[in-house]
Amino acid sequence: MPKKAGPKRRKQRNNERFFAVVLVIWSLLFGAGYWLLLFAMNNRDNNPVSGADYVEENPESNLIPPDHPRQLIDFQLTDRTEHTVTRSDLNGKILIVDFLFTSCSLTCPAVNRQMARIQQLTTNRPGVKLVSLTVDPRDDTPAVLEKYGERFGADTNRWLFLTGDKAQLYDLIGTSFLASDTNDAFGYMPGNFAHTERIAVVDANGRLRGYFDGLNQNTAAAVVNEITKLQNL
């Protein structure tokens, strides 16, 4: 006959069962919370411009000056509609520019929610164009950018998503907008550009005026205020 377990052994087994049950419960709760978070983030992406998460009354967000004077250079790229877009097509426009790659799941959606708000708030301002530049042109084809733009309700006439030759894109971004920095906190993005979470403002003469933090919830209102200042010059 098998020997009966003593009190100590029974207590040890009970403790092991208890910790196993706790571990299973904790894993289920953690898993459920993770999927709920993903659902909430996806639902927010599909409704990027709800009035509930935008506070126009508090537009405080600081304009960050460029590291040195920067001017929009010549380029020839392709929009998500597969039309060619050049520097001359944007002459005389105030440009609101951000930087993305469509497989980015954290900062890029947050920044583009701000871009979607800016689009909504500049509906009656024909002198303003929104421009999103991909840093991953190999994967971000026009078709991919088309689907991405639809997530944020992007108007094809007012919000351009540009891709094209990698060397030309990187030259445009590096010369006109962002410095390189392999130690930047957002350096996981292709191209190793610094501060890709920023939204840039370019005046009607093609001069970079500065940046706003694309992760700041007040940035959309602050950008619109800056546009108003430029239009009143």
Protein backbone atom coordinates (compact mmCIF):
# COMPACT_ATOMS: atom_id res chain seq x y z
CA MET A 1 0.00 0.00 0.00
CA PRO A 2 1.24 3.51 -0.76
CA LYS A 3 2.29 5.42 2.27
CA LYS A 4 -0.06 8.23 3.28
CA ALA A 5 1.34 11.72 3.02
CA GLY A 6 2.06 13.40 6.31
CA PRO A 7 0.56 16.71 7.43
CA LYS A 8 3.55 18.71 6.13
CA ARG A 9 3.37 17.07 2.71
CA ARG A 10 -0.40 17.66 2.49
CA LYS A 11 0.10 21.31 3.45
CA GLN A 12 2.78 21.67 0.78
CA ARG A 13 0.48 20.18 -1.87
CA ASN A 14 -2.38 22.48 -0.83
CA ASN A 15 -0.07 25.47 -1.06
CA GLU A 16 1.08 24.38 -4.51
CA ARG A 17 -2.55 24.02 -5.67
CA PHE A 18 -3.41 27.43 -4.20
CA PHE A 19 -0.53 29.18 -5.99
CA ALA A 20 -1.39 27.37 -9.23
CA VAL A 21 -4.99 28.60 -9.03
CA VAL A 22 -3.80 32.15 -8.26
CA LEU A 23 -1.42 32.03 -11.23
CA VAL A 24 -4.19 30.88 -13.60
CA ILE A 25 -6.57 33.59 -12.37
CA TRP A 26 -3.89 36.26 -12.66
CA SER A 27 -3.04 35.12 -16.21
CA LEU A 28 -6.71 35.24 -17.24
CA LEU A 29 -7.17 38.72 -15.77
CA PHE A 30 -3.98 40.00 -17.40
CA GLY A 31 -4.95 38.51 -20.75
CA ALA A 32 -8.45 39.97 -20.60
CA GLY A 33 -7.08 43.39 -19.68
CA TYR A 34 -4.60 43.27 -22.56
CA TRP A 35 -7.30 42.46 -25.12
CA LEU A 36 -9.61 45.12 -23.68
CA LEU A 37 -6.81 47.67 -24.04
CA LEU A 38 -6.21 46.67 -27.66
CA PHE A 39 -9.95 46.89 -28.37
CA ALA A 40 -10.13 50.36 -26.82
CA MET A 41 -7.13 51.61 -28.79
CA ASN A 42 -8.51 50.20 -32.04
CA ASN A 43 -11.94 51.70 -31.37
CA ARG A 44 -10.34 55.08 -30.73
CA ASP A 45 -8.40 54.84 -34.01
CA ASN A 46 -11.63 54.15 -35.86
CA ASN A 47 -13.21 57.25 -34.27
CA PRO A 48 -10.29 59.67 -34.33
CA VAL A 49 -12.08 62.98 -34.11
CA SER A 50 -14.75 62.60 -31.47
CA GLY A 51 -15.59 65.81 -29.67
CA ALA A 52 -15.25 64.13 -26.29
CA ASP A 53 -11.45 63.83 -26.43
CA TYR A 54 -10.71 67.26 -27.88
CA VAL A 55 -10.61 70.37 -25.69
CA GLU A 56 -10.34 73.48 -27.84
CA GLU A 57 -10.52 75.77 -24.81
CA ASN A 58 -7.04 74.71 -23.66
CA PRO A 59 -4.73 75.01 -26.65
CA GLU A 60 -1.49 75.23 -24.65
CA SER A 61 1.36 73.44 -26.39
CA ASN A 62 4.73 75.02 -27.04
CA LEU A 63 6.16 75.63 -30.50
CA ILE A 64 9.58 73.97 -30.61
CA PRO A 65 12.04 75.88 -32.82
CA PRO A 66 14.09 73.99 -35.44
CA ASP A 67 17.72 73.17 -34.70
CA HIS A 68 18.75 75.44 -37.59
CA PRO A 69 16.95 77.22 -40.44
CA ARG A 70 15.28 74.65 -42.68
CA GLN A 71 13.55 75.08 -46.03
CA LEU A 72 11.32 72.68 -47.96
CA ILE A 73 13.44 71.24 -50.77
CA ASP A 74 12.35 69.99 -54.19
CA PHE A 75 10.92 66.46 -54.34
CA GLN A 76 8.80 64.15 -56.44
CA LEU A 77 6.86 61.54 -54.51
CA THR A 78 3.71 59.44 -54.84
CA ASP A 79 0.47 59.97 -52.94
CA ARG A 80 -1.74 57.13 -51.69
CA THR A 81 -3.99 57.82 -54.70
CA GLU A 82 -0.93 56.98 -56.88
CA HIS A 83 -0.69 60.55 -58.15
CA THR A 84 2.69 62.25 -58.36
CA VAL A 85 3.17 65.12 -55.90
CA THR A 86 6.01 67.63 -56.26
CA ARG A 87 7.28 70.58 -54.29
CA SER A 88 5.60 72.98 -56.71
CA ASP A 89 2.18 71.42 -56.01
CA LEU A 90 2.46 72.77 -52.46
CA ASN A 91 3.67 76.26 -53.27
CA GLY A 92 1.86 78.93 -51.29
CA LYS A 93 0.34 76.42 -48.83
CA ILE A 94 0.84 76.20 -45.10
CA LEU A 95 1.92 72.60 -44.49
CA ILE A 96 1.31 70.50 -41.39
CA VAL A 97 3.70 67.55 -41.63
CA ASP A 98 4.11 64.35 -39.65
CA PHE A 99 6.23 61.20 -40.02
CA LEU A 100 5.01 57.61 -39.82
CA PHE A 101 5.24 54.01 -40.78
CA THR A 102 2.01 52.05 -40.93
CA SER A 103 3.19 49.06 -38.87
CA CYS A 104 3.92 51.39 -35.93
CA SER A 105 1.31 50.65 -33.26
CA LEU A 106 2.03 53.22 -30.55
CA THR A 107 3.26 56.72 -31.39
CA CYS A 108 2.10 56.89 -35.02
CA PRO A 109 -1.62 56.34 -34.31
CA ALA A 110 -1.46 58.87 -31.48
CA VAL A 111 0.19 61.50 -33.69
CA ASN A 112 -2.23 60.87 -36.54
CA ARG A 113 -5.20 61.28 -34.23
CA GLN A 114 -3.87 64.80 -33.70
CA MET A 115 -3.53 65.21 -37.48
CA ALA A 116 -7.16 64.10 -37.88
CA ARG A 117 -8.25 66.76 -35.40
CA ILE A 118 -6.24 69.38 -37.26
CA GLN A 119 -7.93 68.31 -40.51
CA GLN A 120 -11.33 68.77 -38.91
CA LEU A 121 -10.45 72.18 -37.47
CA THR A 122 -9.07 73.50 -40.79
CA THR A 123 -12.01 72.44 -42.97
CA ASN A 124 -12.65 76.01 -44.12
CA ARG A 125 -8.99 76.92 -44.64
CA PRO A 126 -8.06 76.06 -48.26
CA GLY A 127 -4.55 77.43 -47.78
CA VAL A 128 -3.63 74.54 -45.47
CA LYS A 129 -2.41 71.06 -46.47
CA LEU A 130 -1.64 68.11 -44.22
CA VAL A 131 1.25 65.90 -45.30
CA SER A 132 2.29 62.54 -43.85
CA LEU A 133 5.71 61.24 -44.91
CA THR A 134 6.46 57.55 -44.49
CA VAL A 135 9.88 56.53 -43.22
CA ASP A 136 9.28 52.99 -44.50
CA PRO A 137 8.63 53.32 -48.25
CA ARG A 138 9.41 49.66 -48.93
CA ASP A 139 6.34 48.47 -47.04
CA ASP A 140 4.23 51.62 -47.15
CA THR A 141 3.01 51.43 -50.72
CA PRO A 142 0.22 53.71 -51.98
CA ALA A 143 -2.30 50.90 -51.38
CA VAL A 144 -1.12 50.43 -47.80
CA LEU A 145 -1.19 54.18 -47.15
CA GLU A 146 -4.69 54.35 -48.63
CA LYS A 147 -6.00 51.93 -46.01
CA TYR A 148 -4.08 53.72 -43.29
CA GLY A 149 -5.51 57.09 -44.28
CA GLU A 150 -9.02 55.68 -44.18
CA ARG A 151 -8.51 54.78 -40.50
CA PHE A 152 -8.25 58.47 -39.71
CA GLY A 153 -10.88 59.79 -42.09
CA ALA A 154 -8.24 61.51 -44.22
CA ASP A 155 -9.57 63.67 -47.05
CA THR A 156 -7.52 62.85 -50.16
CA ASN A 157 -7.70 66.49 -51.30
CA ARG A 158 -6.46 67.94 -48.01
CA TRP A 159 -4.30 65.29 -46.37
CA LEU A 160 -1.51 63.72 -48.45
CA PHE A 161 0.22 60.45 -47.55
CA LEU A 162 3.48 60.35 -49.50
CA THR A 163 5.82 57.49 -50.35
CA GLY A 164 8.40 56.89 -53.08
CA ASP A 165 12.13 56.44 -53.51
CA LYS A 166 13.75 55.84 -50.12
CA ALA A 167 16.81 58.00 -50.82
CA GLN A 168 14.66 60.93 -51.91
CA LEU A 169 12.30 60.59 -48.94
CA TYR A 170 15.18 60.45 -46.46
CA ASP A 171 16.85 63.43 -48.12
CA LEU A 172 13.61 65.42 -47.85
CA ILE A 173 13.07 64.49 -44.20
CA GLY A 174 16.71 64.94 -43.19
CA THR A 175 17.19 68.24 -45.02
CA SER A 176 13.84 69.93 -44.46
CA PHE A 177 12.65 68.53 -41.14
CA LEU A 178 14.52 66.19 -38.81
CA ALA A 179 18.07 65.52 -37.66
CA SER A 180 19.42 61.99 -37.29
CA ASP A 181 19.91 60.52 -33.84
CA THR A 182 20.46 56.81 -33.18
CA ASN A 183 20.07 57.43 -29.43
CA ASP A 184 16.63 59.02 -29.69
CA ALA A 185 13.85 57.45 -27.62
CA PHE A 186 11.81 56.94 -30.81
CA GLY A 187 14.81 55.61 -32.76
CA TYR A 188 13.07 52.31 -33.44
CA MET A 189 11.49 53.99 -36.44
CA PRO A 190 13.22 53.37 -39.79
CA GLY A 191 15.69 56.06 -40.80
CA ASN A 192 16.89 56.85 -37.27
CA PHE A 193 15.45 60.35 -37.42
CA ALA A 194 15.16 62.25 -34.16
CA HIS A 195 11.78 63.34 -32.80
CA THR A 196 9.57 61.59 -35.34
CA GLU A 197 6.71 62.06 -32.87
CA ARG A 198 6.64 65.78 -33.69
CA ILE A 199 4.29 67.60 -36.05
CA ALA A 200 6.04 70.20 -38.19
CA VAL A 201 4.60 73.52 -39.39
CA VAL A 202 5.86 74.95 -42.70
CA ASP A 203 4.81 78.44 -43.77
CA ALA A 204 3.54 79.44 -47.23
CA ASN A 205 7.11 80.30 -48.29
CA GLY A 206 8.34 76.79 -47.54
CA ARG A 207 10.17 77.72 -44.35
CA LEU A 208 10.00 75.39 -41.35
CA ARG A 209 8.57 77.43 -38.49
CA GLY A 210 8.91 74.76 -35.83
CA TYR A 211 7.32 71.68 -34.30
CA PHE A 212 4.65 70.66 -31.86
CA ASP A 213 4.68 67.52 -29.73
CA GLY A 214 2.38 65.11 -31.56
CA LEU A 215 1.77 63.15 -28.34
CA ASN A 216 0.40 66.19 -26.49
CA GLN A 217 -3.42 66.16 -26.40
CA ASN A 218 -3.51 69.95 -26.85
CA THR A 219 -1.37 70.00 -29.98
CA ALA A 220 -4.21 70.13 -32.52
CA ALA A 221 -5.54 73.40 -31.06
CA ALA A 222 -2.03 74.82 -30.76
CA VAL A 223 -1.28 74.02 -34.41
CA VAL A 224 -4.49 75.75 -35.52
CA ASN A 225 -3.51 78.81 -33.46
CA GLU A 226 -0.12 78.84 -35.22
CA ILE A 227 -1.84 78.57 -38.61
CA THR A 228 -3.99 81.57 -37.71
CA LYS A 229 -0.88 83.58 -36.81
CA LEU A 230 0.76 82.72 -40.15
CA GLN A 231 -2.35 83.60 -42.12
CA ASN A 232 -2.56 86.96 -40.35
CA LEU A 233 1.04 87.96 -41.11
